[in-house]
Amino acid sequence: QTDPKAIEKEAREQLRYAKPGEVIYVAPERPQAEAKSTKK
């Protein structure tokens, strides 16, 4: 609500916003069955 840096960080992480000239790399998500088996 108050910190512009926190707002920018959240927007960059969740909405995948980038500054001009930046490149965003997104790792593929693990399948649900594999994710559940590794959490146990």
Full PDB file with SEQRES, HELIX, SHEET, SSBOND, CRYST1, ORIGX, SCALE, CONECT and MASTER records, all heavy atoms in Angstrom:
SEQRES   1 A   40  GLN THR ASP PRO LYS ALA ILE GLU LYS GLU ALA ARG GLU          
SEQRES   2 A   40  GLN LEU ARG TYR ALA LYS PRO GLY GLU VAL ILE TYR VAL          
SEQRES   3 A   40  ALA PRO GLU ARG PRO GLN ALA GLU ALA LYS SER THR LYS          
SEQRES   4 A   40  LYS                                                          
HELIX    1 AA1 PRO A    4  GLN A   14  1                                  11    
HELIX    2 AA2 GLN A   32  LYS A   39  1                                   8    
CRYST1    1.000    1.000    1.000  90.00  90.00  90.00 P 1           1          
ORIGX1      1.000000  0.000000  0.000000        0.00000                         
ORIGX2      0.000000  1.000000  0.000000        0.00000                         
ORIGX3      0.000000  0.000000  1.000000        0.00000                         
SCALE1      1.000000  0.000000  0.000000        0.00000                         
SCALE2      0.000000  1.000000  0.000000        0.00000                         
SCALE3      0.000000  0.000000  1.000000        0.00000                         
ATOM      1  N   GLN A   1       0.811  -1.215   0.000  1.00  0.00           N  
ATOM      2  CA  GLN A   1       0.000   0.000   0.000  1.00  0.00           C  
ATOM      3  C   GLN A   1       0.847   1.268   0.000  1.00  0.00           C  
ATOM      4  O   GLN A   1       0.391   2.310  -0.445  1.00  0.00           O  
ATOM      5  CB  GLN A   1      -0.934   0.013   1.225  1.00  0.00           C  
ATOM      6  CG  GLN A   1      -2.035  -1.013   1.137  1.00  0.00           C  
ATOM      7  CD  GLN A   1      -2.836  -1.106   2.414  1.00  0.00           C  
ATOM      8  OE1 GLN A   1      -2.414  -0.665   3.478  1.00  0.00           O  
ATOM      9  NE2 GLN A   1      -4.024  -1.696   2.317  1.00  0.00           N  
ATOM     10  N   THR A   2       2.092   1.174   0.503  1.00  0.00           N  
ATOM     11  CA  THR A   2       2.864   2.401   0.682  1.00  0.00           C  
ATOM     12  C   THR A   2       4.206   2.421  -0.044  1.00  0.00           C  
ATOM     13  O   THR A   2       4.686   3.489  -0.405  1.00  0.00           O  
ATOM     14  CB  THR A   2       3.132   2.634   2.185  1.00  0.00           C  
ATOM     15  OG1 THR A   2       3.835   1.510   2.712  1.00  0.00           O  
ATOM     16  CG2 THR A   2       1.833   2.814   2.946  1.00  0.00           C  
ATOM     17  N   ASP A   3       4.832   1.290  -0.245  1.00  0.00           N  
ATOM     18  CA  ASP A   3       6.198   1.251  -0.765  1.00  0.00           C  
ATOM     19  C   ASP A   3       6.196   0.989  -2.271  1.00  0.00           C  
ATOM     20  O   ASP A   3       5.803  -0.089  -2.721  1.00  0.00           O  
ATOM     21  CB  ASP A   3       6.975   0.151  -0.043  1.00  0.00           C  
ATOM     22  CG  ASP A   3       8.453   0.139  -0.414  1.00  0.00           C  
ATOM     23  OD1 ASP A   3       8.919   1.112  -1.033  1.00  0.00           O  
ATOM     24  OD2 ASP A   3       9.125  -0.856  -0.063  1.00  0.00           O  
ATOM     25  N   PRO A   4       6.643   1.951  -3.078  1.00  0.00           N  
ATOM     26  CA  PRO A   4       6.670   1.750  -4.522  1.00  0.00           C  
ATOM     27  C   PRO A   4       7.581   0.591  -4.956  1.00  0.00           C  
ATOM     28  O   PRO A   4       7.282  -0.105  -5.926  1.00  0.00           O  
ATOM     29  CB  PRO A   4       7.203   3.074  -5.068  1.00  0.00           C  
ATOM     30  CG  PRO A   4       7.067   4.058  -3.974  1.00  0.00           C  
ATOM     31  CD  PRO A   4       7.052   3.302  -2.703  1.00  0.00           C  
ATOM     32  N   LYS A   5       8.662   0.354  -4.231  1.00  0.00           N  
ATOM     33  CA  LYS A   5       9.557  -0.744  -4.592  1.00  0.00           C  
ATOM     34  C   LYS A   5       8.868  -2.095  -4.388  1.00  0.00           C  
ATOM     35  O   LYS A   5       9.052  -3.013  -5.182  1.00  0.00           O  
ATOM     36  CB  LYS A   5      10.844  -0.678  -3.784  1.00  0.00           C  
ATOM     37  CG  LYS A   5      11.741   0.469  -4.182  1.00  0.00           C  
ATOM     38  CD  LYS A   5      13.026   0.440  -3.402  1.00  0.00           C  
ATOM     39  CE  LYS A   5      13.913   1.618  -3.825  1.00  0.00           C  
ATOM     40  NZ  LYS A   5      15.189   1.621  -3.122  1.00  0.00           N  
ATOM     41  N   ALA A   6       8.083  -2.217  -3.325  1.00  0.00           N  
ATOM     42  CA  ALA A   6       7.356  -3.472  -3.074  1.00  0.00           C  
ATOM     43  C   ALA A   6       6.300  -3.693  -4.154  1.00  0.00           C  
ATOM     44  O   ALA A   6       6.099  -4.820  -4.614  1.00  0.00           O  
ATOM     45  CB  ALA A   6       6.705  -3.448  -1.694  1.00  0.00           C  
ATOM     46  N   ILE A   7       5.646  -2.616  -4.570  1.00  0.00           N  
ATOM     47  CA  ILE A   7       4.642  -2.719  -5.632  1.00  0.00           C  
ATOM     48  C   ILE A   7       5.306  -3.156  -6.932  1.00  0.00           C  
ATOM     49  O   ILE A   7       4.810  -4.038  -7.641  1.00  0.00           O  
ATOM     50  CB  ILE A   7       3.907  -1.372  -5.814  1.00  0.00           C  
ATOM     51  CG1 ILE A   7       3.122  -1.038  -4.550  1.00  0.00           C  
ATOM     52  CG2 ILE A   7       2.990  -1.413  -7.021  1.00  0.00           C  
ATOM     53  CD1 ILE A   7       2.584   0.364  -4.506  1.00  0.00           C  
ATOM     54  N   GLU A   8       6.446  -2.550  -7.242  1.00  0.00           N  
ATOM     55  CA  GLU A   8       7.165  -2.915  -8.465  1.00  0.00           C  
ATOM     56  C   GLU A   8       7.617  -4.374  -8.419  1.00  0.00           C  
ATOM     57  O   GLU A   8       7.464  -5.112  -9.392  1.00  0.00           O  
ATOM     58  CB  GLU A   8       8.397  -2.009  -8.633  1.00  0.00           C  
ATOM     59  CG  GLU A   8       9.217  -2.352  -9.856  1.00  0.00           C  
ATOM     60  CD  GLU A   8      10.493  -1.531  -9.950  1.00  0.00           C  
ATOM     61  OE1 GLU A   8      10.691  -0.597  -9.149  1.00  0.00           O  
ATOM     62  OE2 GLU A   8      11.312  -1.867 -10.828  1.00  0.00           O  
ATOM     63  N   LYS A   9       8.141  -4.801  -7.281  1.00  0.00           N  
ATOM     64  CA  LYS A   9       8.604  -6.185  -7.147  1.00  0.00           C  
ATOM     65  C   LYS A   9       7.446  -7.155  -7.355  1.00  0.00           C  
ATOM     66  O   LYS A   9       7.581  -8.156  -8.067  1.00  0.00           O  
ATOM     67  CB  LYS A   9       9.207  -6.391  -5.757  1.00  0.00           C  
ATOM     68  CG  LYS A   9       9.703  -7.796  -5.501  1.00  0.00           C  
ATOM     69  CD  LYS A   9      10.286  -7.896  -4.087  1.00  0.00           C  
ATOM     70  CE  LYS A   9      10.816  -9.269  -3.817  1.00  0.00           C  
ATOM     71  NZ  LYS A   9       9.831 -10.193  -3.284  1.00  0.00           N  
ATOM     72  N   GLU A  10       6.308  -6.878  -6.757  1.00  0.00           N  
ATOM     73  CA  GLU A  10       5.149  -7.762  -6.893  1.00  0.00           C  
ATOM     74  C   GLU A  10       4.663  -7.788  -8.346  1.00  0.00           C  
ATOM     75  O   GLU A  10       4.319  -8.853  -8.870  1.00  0.00           O  
ATOM     76  CB  GLU A  10       4.029  -7.294  -5.956  1.00  0.00           C  
ATOM     77  CG  GLU A  10       2.984  -8.312  -5.690  1.00  0.00           C  
ATOM     78  CD  GLU A  10       3.482  -9.472  -4.838  1.00  0.00           C  
ATOM     79  OE1 GLU A  10       4.437  -9.328  -4.062  1.00  0.00           O  
ATOM     80  OE2 GLU A  10       2.896 -10.558  -4.976  1.00  0.00           O  
ATOM     81  N   ALA A  11       4.634  -6.639  -8.992  1.00  0.00           N  
ATOM     82  CA  ALA A  11       4.189  -6.580 -10.386  1.00  0.00           C  
ATOM     83  C   ALA A  11       5.154  -7.347 -11.290  1.00  0.00           C  
ATOM     84  O   ALA A  11       4.723  -8.054 -12.203  1.00  0.00           O  
ATOM     85  CB  ALA A  11       4.087  -5.125 -10.837  1.00  0.00           C  
ATOM     86  N   ARG A  12       6.433  -7.238 -10.999  1.00  0.00           N  
ATOM     87  CA  ARG A  12       7.412  -7.943 -11.829  1.00  0.00           C  
ATOM     88  C   ARG A  12       7.304  -9.450 -11.639  1.00  0.00           C  
ATOM     89  O   ARG A  12       7.441 -10.216 -12.594  1.00  0.00           O  
ATOM     90  CB  ARG A  12       8.830  -7.479 -11.485  1.00  0.00           C  
ATOM     91  CG  ARG A  12       9.130  -6.068 -12.027  1.00  0.00           C  
ATOM     92  CD  ARG A  12      10.255  -5.388 -11.305  1.00  0.00           C  
ATOM     93  NE  ARG A  12      11.603  -5.275 -11.780  1.00  0.00           N  
ATOM     94  CZ  ARG A  12      12.098  -5.356 -12.993  1.00  0.00           C  
ATOM     95  NH1 ARG A  12      11.337  -5.656 -13.986  1.00  0.00           N  
ATOM     96  NH2 ARG A  12      13.365  -5.162 -13.253  1.00  0.00           N  
ATOM     97  N   GLU A  13       7.032  -9.887 -10.428  1.00  0.00           N  
ATOM     98  CA  GLU A  13       6.949 -11.329 -10.165  1.00  0.00           C  
ATOM     99  C   GLU A  13       5.646 -11.929 -10.680  1.00  0.00           C  
ATOM    100  O   GLU A  13       5.659 -12.953 -11.360  1.00  0.00           O  
ATOM    101  CB  GLU A  13       7.080 -11.603  -8.665  1.00  0.00           C  
ATOM    102  CG  GLU A  13       8.489 -11.400  -8.139  1.00  0.00           C  
ATOM    103  CD  GLU A  13       8.582 -11.615  -6.639  1.00  0.00           C  
ATOM    104  OE1 GLU A  13       7.560 -11.942  -5.998  1.00  0.00           O  
ATOM    105  OE2 GLU A  13       9.688 -11.442  -6.104  1.00  0.00           O  
ATOM    106  N   GLN A  14       4.526 -11.303 -10.353  1.00  0.00           N  
ATOM    107  CA  GLN A  14       3.234 -11.915 -10.685  1.00  0.00           C  
ATOM    108  C   GLN A  14       2.781 -11.630 -12.117  1.00  0.00           C  
ATOM    109  O   GLN A  14       2.239 -12.501 -12.783  1.00  0.00           O  
ATOM    110  CB  GLN A  14       2.161 -11.459  -9.700  1.00  0.00           C  
ATOM    111  CG  GLN A  14       2.361 -12.076  -8.337  1.00  0.00           C  
ATOM    112  CD  GLN A  14       1.154 -11.877  -7.449  1.00  0.00           C  
ATOM    113  OE1 GLN A  14       0.108 -11.429  -7.889  1.00  0.00           O  
ATOM    114  NE2 GLN A  14       1.304 -12.225  -6.191  1.00  0.00           N  
ATOM    115  N   LEU A  15       3.006 -10.391 -12.562  1.00  0.00           N  
ATOM    116  CA  LEU A  15       2.527 -10.019 -13.890  1.00  0.00           C  
ATOM    117  C   LEU A  15       3.621 -10.123 -14.944  1.00  0.00           C  
ATOM    118  O   LEU A  15       3.372  -9.867 -16.121  1.00  0.00           O  
ATOM    119  CB  LEU A  15       1.961  -8.597 -13.850  1.00  0.00           C  
ATOM    120  CG  LEU A  15       0.827  -8.385 -12.839  1.00  0.00           C  
ATOM    121  CD1 LEU A  15       0.430  -6.919 -12.801  1.00  0.00           C  
ATOM    122  CD2 LEU A  15      -0.363  -9.255 -13.164  1.00  0.00           C  
ATOM    123  N   ARG A  16       4.802 -10.459 -14.512  1.00  0.00           N  
ATOM    124  CA  ARG A  16       5.964 -10.617 -15.387  1.00  0.00           C  
ATOM    125  C   ARG A  16       6.256  -9.344 -16.196  1.00  0.00           C  
ATOM    126  O   ARG A  16       6.513  -9.389 -17.387  1.00  0.00           O  
ATOM    127  CB  ARG A  16       5.783 -11.818 -16.314  1.00  0.00           C  
ATOM    128  CG  ARG A  16       5.687 -13.122 -15.538  1.00  0.00           C  
ATOM    129  CD  ARG A  16       5.633 -14.310 -16.460  1.00  0.00           C  
ATOM    130  NE  ARG A  16       5.617 -15.524 -15.665  1.00  0.00           N  
ATOM    131  CZ  ARG A  16       4.595 -16.367 -15.642  1.00  0.00           C  
ATOM    132  NH1 ARG A  16       3.523 -16.144 -16.359  1.00  0.00           N  
ATOM    133  NH2 ARG A  16       4.645 -17.439 -14.888  1.00  0.00           N  
ATOM    134  N   TYR A  17       6.143  -8.239 -15.480  1.00  0.00           N  
ATOM    135  CA  TYR A  17       6.488  -6.968 -16.114  1.00  0.00           C  
ATOM    136  C   TYR A  17       8.006  -6.863 -16.195  1.00  0.00           C  
ATOM    137  O   TYR A  17       8.722  -7.366 -15.357  1.00  0.00           O  
ATOM    138  CB  TYR A  17       5.950  -5.795 -15.310  1.00  0.00           C  
ATOM    139  CG  TYR A  17       4.484  -5.523 -15.492  1.00  0.00           C  
ATOM    140  CD1 TYR A  17       3.680  -6.328 -16.280  1.00  0.00           C  
ATOM    141  CD2 TYR A  17       3.892  -4.432 -14.887  1.00  0.00           C  
ATOM    142  CE1 TYR A  17       2.334  -6.072 -16.440  1.00  0.00           C  
ATOM    143  CE2 TYR A  17       2.538  -4.170 -15.041  1.00  0.00           C  
ATOM    144  CZ  TYR A  17       1.775  -4.999 -15.817  1.00  0.00           C  
ATOM    145  OH  TYR A  17       0.441  -4.738 -15.969  1.00  0.00           O  
ATOM    146  N   ALA A  18       8.475  -6.161 -17.229  1.00  0.00           N  
ATOM    147  CA  ALA A  18       9.909  -5.975 -17.404  1.00  0.00           C  
ATOM    148  C   ALA A  18      10.179  -4.526 -17.763  1.00  0.00           C  
ATOM    149  O   ALA A  18       9.348  -3.845 -18.358  1.00  0.00           O  
ATOM    150  CB  ALA A  18      10.433  -6.888 -18.499  1.00  0.00           C  
ATOM    151  N   LYS A  19      11.336  -4.086 -17.390  1.00  0.00           N  
ATOM    152  CA  LYS A  19      11.772  -2.753 -17.779  1.00  0.00           C  
ATOM    153  C   LYS A  19      12.262  -2.837 -19.221  1.00  0.00           C  
ATOM    154  O   LYS A  19      12.621  -3.911 -19.705  1.00  0.00           O  
ATOM    155  CB  LYS A  19      12.908  -2.279 -16.869  1.00  0.00           C  
ATOM    156  CG  LYS A  19      12.465  -1.999 -15.451  1.00  0.00           C  
ATOM    157  CD  LYS A  19      13.641  -1.497 -14.629  1.00  0.00           C  
ATOM    158  CE  LYS A  19      13.211  -1.213 -13.203  1.00  0.00           C  
ATOM    159  NZ  LYS A  19      14.322  -0.746 -12.378  1.00  0.00           N  
ATOM    160  N   PRO A  20      12.283  -1.721 -19.925  1.00  0.00           N  
ATOM    161  CA  PRO A  20      12.771  -1.744 -21.306  1.00  0.00           C  
ATOM    162  C   PRO A  20      14.196  -2.299 -21.366  1.00  0.00           C  
ATOM    163  O   PRO A  20      15.055  -1.934 -20.585  1.00  0.00           O  
ATOM    164  CB  PRO A  20      12.733  -0.276 -21.733  1.00  0.00           C  
ATOM    165  CG  PRO A  20      11.723   0.359 -20.832  1.00  0.00           C  
ATOM    166  CD  PRO A  20      11.789  -0.399 -19.546  1.00  0.00           C  
ATOM    167  N   GLY A  21      14.415  -3.241 -22.259  1.00  0.00           N  
ATOM    168  CA  GLY A  21      15.722  -3.843 -22.431  1.00  0.00           C  
ATOM    169  C   GLY A  21      15.932  -5.100 -21.598  1.00  0.00           C  
ATOM    170  O   GLY A  21      16.913  -5.801 -21.779  1.00  0.00           O  
ATOM    171  N   GLU A  22      15.016  -5.401 -20.684  1.00  0.00           N  
ATOM    172  CA  GLU A  22      15.150  -6.616 -19.871  1.00  0.00           C  
ATOM    173  C   GLU A  22      14.503  -7.798 -20.579  1.00  0.00           C  
ATOM    174  O   GLU A  22      13.563  -7.635 -21.343  1.00  0.00           O  
ATOM    175  CB  GLU A  22      14.458  -6.455 -18.507  1.00  0.00           C  
ATOM    176  CG  GLU A  22      15.192  -5.558 -17.545  1.00  0.00           C  
ATOM    177  CD  GLU A  22      14.510  -5.532 -16.190  1.00  0.00           C  
ATOM    178  OE1 GLU A  22      13.302  -5.806 -16.081  1.00  0.00           O  
ATOM    179  OE2 GLU A  22      15.206  -5.213 -15.224  1.00  0.00           O  
ATOM    180  N   VAL A  23      15.009  -8.978 -20.283  1.00  0.00           N  
ATOM    181  CA  VAL A  23      14.428 -10.211 -20.810  1.00  0.00           C  
ATOM    182  C   VAL A  23      14.021 -11.063 -19.615  1.00  0.00           C  
ATOM    183  O   VAL A  23      14.795 -11.253 -18.683  1.00  0.00           O  
ATOM    184  CB  VAL A  23      15.449 -10.980 -21.683  1.00  0.00           C  
ATOM    185  CG1 VAL A  23      14.849 -12.290 -22.165  1.00  0.00           C  
ATOM    186  CG2 VAL A  23      15.896 -10.118 -22.843  1.00  0.00           C  
ATOM    187  N   ILE A  24      12.799 -11.579 -19.651  1.00  0.00           N  
ATOM    188  CA  ILE A  24      12.307 -12.411 -18.555  1.00  0.00           C  
ATOM    189  C   ILE A  24      12.374 -13.866 -18.977  1.00  0.00           C  
ATOM    190  O   ILE A  24      11.866 -14.237 -20.033  1.00  0.00           O  
ATOM    191  CB  ILE A  24      10.861 -12.034 -18.182  1.00  0.00           C  
ATOM    192  CG1 ILE A  24      10.816 -10.599 -17.672  1.00  0.00           C  
ATOM    193  CG2 ILE A  24      10.306 -12.994 -17.159  1.00  0.00           C  
ATOM    194  CD1 ILE A  24       9.432 -10.123 -17.335  1.00  0.00           C  
ATOM    195  N   TYR A  25      13.007 -14.665 -18.149  1.00  0.00           N  
ATOM    196  CA  TYR A  25      13.061 -16.101 -18.364  1.00  0.00           C  
ATOM    197  C   TYR A  25      12.112 -16.765 -17.373  1.00  0.00           C  
ATOM    198  O   TYR A  25      12.169 -16.495 -16.175  1.00  0.00           O  
ATOM    199  CB  TYR A  25      14.479 -16.650 -18.150  1.00  0.00           C  
ATOM    200  CG  TYR A  25      15.464 -16.142 -19.164  1.00  0.00           C  
ATOM    201  CD1 TYR A  25      16.300 -15.068 -18.884  1.00  0.00           C  
ATOM    202  CD2 TYR A  25      15.541 -16.738 -20.412  1.00  0.00           C  
ATOM    203  CE1 TYR A  25      17.201 -14.600 -19.816  1.00  0.00           C  
ATOM    204  CE2 TYR A  25      16.442 -16.274 -21.351  1.00  0.00           C  
ATOM    205  CZ  TYR A  25      17.266 -15.211 -21.049  1.00  0.00           C  
ATOM    206  OH  TYR A  25      18.157 -14.750 -21.977  1.00  0.00           O  
ATOM    207  N   VAL A  26      11.254 -17.631 -17.870  1.00  0.00           N  
ATOM    208  CA  VAL A  26      10.292 -18.317 -17.020  1.00  0.00           C  
ATOM    209  C   VAL A  26      10.561 -19.807 -17.098  1.00  0.00           C  
ATOM    210  O   VAL A  26      10.560 -20.392 -18.181  1.00  0.00           O  
ATOM    211  CB  VAL A  26       8.841 -18.023 -17.465  1.00  0.00           C  
ATOM    212  CG1 VAL A  26       7.853 -18.754 -16.580  1.00  0.00           C  
ATOM    213  CG2 VAL A  26       8.580 -16.526 -17.458  1.00  0.00           C  
ATOM    214  N   ALA A  27      10.795 -20.408 -15.951  1.00  0.00           N  
ATOM    215  CA  ALA A  27      11.023 -21.855 -15.906  1.00  0.00           C  
ATOM    216  C   ALA A  27       9.672 -22.558 -15.993  1.00  0.00           C  
ATOM    217  O   ALA A  27       8.681 -22.086 -15.431  1.00  0.00           O  
ATOM    218  CB  ALA A  27      11.726 -22.239 -14.609  1.00  0.00           C  
ATOM    219  N   PRO A  28       9.610 -23.672 -16.709  1.00  0.00           N  
ATOM    220  CA  PRO A  28       8.335 -24.386 -16.806  1.00  0.00           C  
ATOM    221  C   PRO A  28       7.935 -24.939 -15.436  1.00  0.00           C  
ATOM    222  O   PRO A  28       8.783 -25.321 -14.636  1.00  0.00           O  
ATOM    223  CB  PRO A  28       8.615 -25.517 -17.793  1.00  0.00           C  
ATOM    224  CG  PRO A  28      10.088 -25.687 -17.776  1.00  0.00           C  
ATOM    225  CD  PRO A  28      10.670 -24.348 -17.436  1.00  0.00           C  
ATOM    226  N   GLU A  29       6.627 -24.961 -15.178  1.00  0.00           N  
ATOM    227  CA  GLU A  29       6.130 -25.485 -13.914  1.00  0.00           C  
ATOM    228  C   GLU A  29       6.191 -26.998 -13.930  1.00  0.00           C  
ATOM    229  O   GLU A  29       5.997 -27.625 -14.969  1.00  0.00           O  
ATOM    230  CB  GLU A  29       4.699 -25.017 -13.682  1.00  0.00           C  
ATOM    231  CG  GLU A  29       4.590 -23.527 -13.469  1.00  0.00           C  
ATOM    232  CD  GLU A  29       3.175 -23.114 -13.124  1.00  0.00           C  
ATOM    233  OE1 GLU A  29       2.379 -23.981 -12.713  1.00  0.00           O  
ATOM    234  OE2 GLU A  29       2.875 -21.928 -13.262  1.00  0.00           O  
ATOM    235  N   ARG A  30       6.448 -27.561 -12.772  1.00  0.00           N  
ATOM    236  CA  ARG A  30       6.493 -29.015 -12.665  1.00  0.00           C  
ATOM    237  C   ARG A  30       5.072 -29.564 -12.691  1.00  0.00           C  
ATOM    238  O   ARG A  30       4.140 -28.922 -12.206  1.00  0.00           O  
ATOM    239  CB  ARG A  30       7.161 -29.426 -11.353  1.00  0.00           C  
ATOM    240  CG  ARG A  30       8.609 -28.998 -11.319  1.00  0.00           C  
ATOM    241  CD  ARG A  30       9.378 -29.596 -10.187  1.00  0.00           C  
ATOM    242  NE  ARG A  30       8.659 -29.644  -8.920  1.00  0.00           N  
ATOM    243  CZ  ARG A  30       9.239 -29.704  -7.740  1.00  0.00           C  
ATOM    244  NH1 ARG A  30      10.549 -29.713  -7.668  1.00  0.00           N  
ATOM    245  NH2 ARG A  30       8.553 -29.778  -6.645  1.00  0.00           N  
ATOM    246  N   PRO A  31       4.885 -30.748 -13.256  1.00  0.00           N  
ATOM    247  CA  PRO A  31       3.554 -31.361 -13.241  1.00  0.00           C  
ATOM    248  C   PRO A  31       3.072 -31.579 -11.808  1.00  0.00           C  
ATOM    249  O   PRO A  31       3.870 -31.757 -10.898  1.00  0.00           O  
ATOM    250  CB  PRO A  31       3.752 -32.703 -13.951  1.00  0.00           C  
ATOM    251  CG  PRO A  31       5.029 -32.558 -14.702  1.00  0.00           C  
ATOM    252  CD  PRO A  31       5.843 -31.553 -13.982  1.00  0.00           C  
ATOM    253  N   GLN A  32       1.756 -31.589 -11.604  1.00  0.00           N  
ATOM    254  CA  GLN A  32       1.176 -31.702 -10.266  1.00  0.00           C  
ATOM    255  C   GLN A  32       1.581 -32.993  -9.562  1.00  0.00           C  
ATOM    256  O   GLN A  32       1.874 -32.989  -8.387  1.00  0.00           O  
ATOM    257  CB  GLN A  32      -0.356 -31.623 -10.355  1.00  0.00           C  
ATOM    258  CG  GLN A  32      -0.873 -30.247 -10.754  1.00  0.00           C  
ATOM    259  CD  GLN A  32      -0.565 -29.209  -9.688  1.00  0.00           C  
ATOM    260  OE1 GLN A  32      -0.466 -29.496  -8.515  1.00  0.00           O  
ATOM    261  NE2 GLN A  32      -0.389 -27.961 -10.122  1.00  0.00           N  
ATOM    262  N   ALA A  33       1.596 -34.111 -10.246  1.00  0.00           N  
ATOM    263  CA  ALA A  33       1.935 -35.393  -9.627  1.00  0.00           C  
ATOM    264  C   ALA A  33       3.369 -35.372  -9.123  1.00  0.00           C  
ATOM    265  O   ALA A  33       3.676 -35.838  -8.031  1.00  0.00           O  
ATOM    266  CB  ALA A  33       1.745 -36.547 -10.605  1.00  0.00           C  
ATOM    267  N   GLU A  34       4.267 -34.804  -9.893  1.00  0.00           N  
ATOM    268  CA  GLU A  34       5.673 -34.726  -9.478  1.00  0.00           C  
ATOM    269  C   GLU A  34       5.839 -33.761  -8.328  1.00  0.00           C  
ATOM    270  O   GLU A  34       6.593 -34.016  -7.395  1.00  0.00           O  
ATOM    271  CB  GLU A  34       6.526 -34.280 -10.670  1.00  0.00           C  
ATOM    272  CG  GLU A  34       8.015 -34.236 -10.365  1.00  0.00           C  
ATOM    273  CD  GLU A  34       8.832 -33.745 -11.547  1.00  0.00           C  
ATOM    274  OE1 GLU A  34       8.479 -34.089 -12.688  1.00  0.00           O  
ATOM    275  OE2 GLU A  34       9.805 -33.013 -11.299  1.00  0.00           O  
ATOM    276  N   ALA A  35       5.127 -32.642  -8.344  1.00  0.00           N  
ATOM    277  CA  ALA A  35       5.229 -31.656  -7.267  1.00  0.00           C  
ATOM    278  C   ALA A  35       4.735 -32.241  -5.952  1.00  0.00           C  
ATOM    279  O   ALA A  35       5.310 -32.005  -4.902  1.00  0.00           O  
ATOM    280  CB  ALA A  35       4.433 -30.409  -7.633  1.00  0.00           C  
ATOM    281  N   LYS A  36       3.653 -33.029  -5.992  1.00  0.00           N  
ATOM    282  CA  LYS A  36       3.130 -33.624  -4.764  1.00  0.00           C  
ATOM    283  C   LYS A  36       4.063 -34.672  -4.210  1.00  0.00           C  
ATOM    284  O   LYS A  36       4.241 -34.791  -3.003  1.00  0.00           O  
ATOM    285  CB  LYS A  36       1.754 -34.242  -5.020  1.00  0.00           C  
ATOM    286  CG  LYS A  36       0.664 -33.213  -5.217  1.00  0.00           C  
ATOM    287  CD  LYS A  36      -0.668 -33.885  -5.459  1.00  0.00           C  
ATOM    288  CE  LYS A  36      -1.754 -32.856  -5.719  1.00  0.00           C  
ATOM    289  NZ  LYS A  36      -3.034 -33.489  -5.990  1.00  0.00           N  
ATOM    290  N   SER A  37       4.688 -35.461  -5.064  1.00  0.00           N  
ATOM    291  CA  SER A  37       5.567 -36.535  -4.587  1.00  0.00           C  
ATOM    292  C   SER A  37       6.842 -35.986  -3.963  1.00  0.00           C  
ATOM    293  O   SER A  37       7.410 -36.589  -3.069  1.00  0.00           O  
ATOM    294  CB  SER A  37       5.895 -37.516  -5.711  1.00  0.00           C  
ATOM    295  OG  SER A  37       6.657 -36.849  -6.711  1.00  0.00           O  
ATOM    296  N   THR A  38       7.319 -34.824  -4.406  1.00  0.00           N  
ATOM    297  CA  THR A  38       8.540 -34.269  -3.851  1.00  0.00           C  
ATOM    298  C   THR A  38       8.288 -33.527  -2.548  1.00  0.00           C  
ATOM    299  O   THR A  38       9.192 -33.331  -1.765  1.00  0.00           O  
ATOM    300  CB  THR A  38       9.225 -33.315  -4.851  1.00  0.00           C  
ATOM    301  OG1 THR A  38       8.317 -32.282  -5.199  1.00  0.00           O  
ATOM    302  CG2 THR A  38       9.710 -34.060  -6.066  1.00  0.00           C  
ATOM    303  N   LYS A  39       7.051 -33.120  -2.279  1.00  0.00           N  
ATOM    304  CA  LYS A  39       6.737 -32.410  -1.043  1.00  0.00           C  
ATOM    305  C   LYS A  39       6.669 -33.357   0.141  1.00  0.00           C  
ATOM    306  O   LYS A  39       6.850 -32.958   1.262  1.00  0.00           O  
ATOM    307  CB  LYS A  39       5.405 -31.666  -1.167  1.00  0.00           C  
ATOM    308  CG  LYS A  39       5.497 -30.446  -2.041  1.00  0.00           C  
ATOM    309  CD  LYS A  39       4.191 -29.699  -2.069  1.00  0.00           C  
ATOM    310  CE  LYS A  39       4.263 -28.485  -2.950  1.00  0.00           C  
ATOM    311  NZ  LYS A  39       2.996 -27.764  -3.008  1.00  0.00           N  
ATOM    312  N   LYS A  40       6.382 -34.606  -0.068  1.00  0.00           N  
ATOM    313  CA  LYS A  40       6.227 -35.555   1.057  1.00  0.00           C  
ATOM    314  C   LYS A  40       7.511 -35.888   1.638  1.00  0.00           C  
ATOM    315  O   LYS A  40       8.425 -35.760   1.961  1.00  0.00           O  
ATOM    316  CB  LYS A  40       5.543 -36.841   0.597  1.00  0.00           C  
ATOM    317  CG  LYS A  40       4.110 -36.594   0.252  1.00  0.00           C  
ATOM    318  CD  LYS A  40       3.453 -37.875  -0.164  1.00  0.00           C  
ATOM    319  CE  LYS A  40       2.021 -37.625  -0.562  1.00  0.00           C  
ATOM    320  NZ  LYS A  40       1.339 -38.791  -1.004  1.00  0.00           N  
TER     321      LYS A  40                                                      
MASTER        0    0    0    2    0    0    0    6  320    1    0    4          
END                                                                             
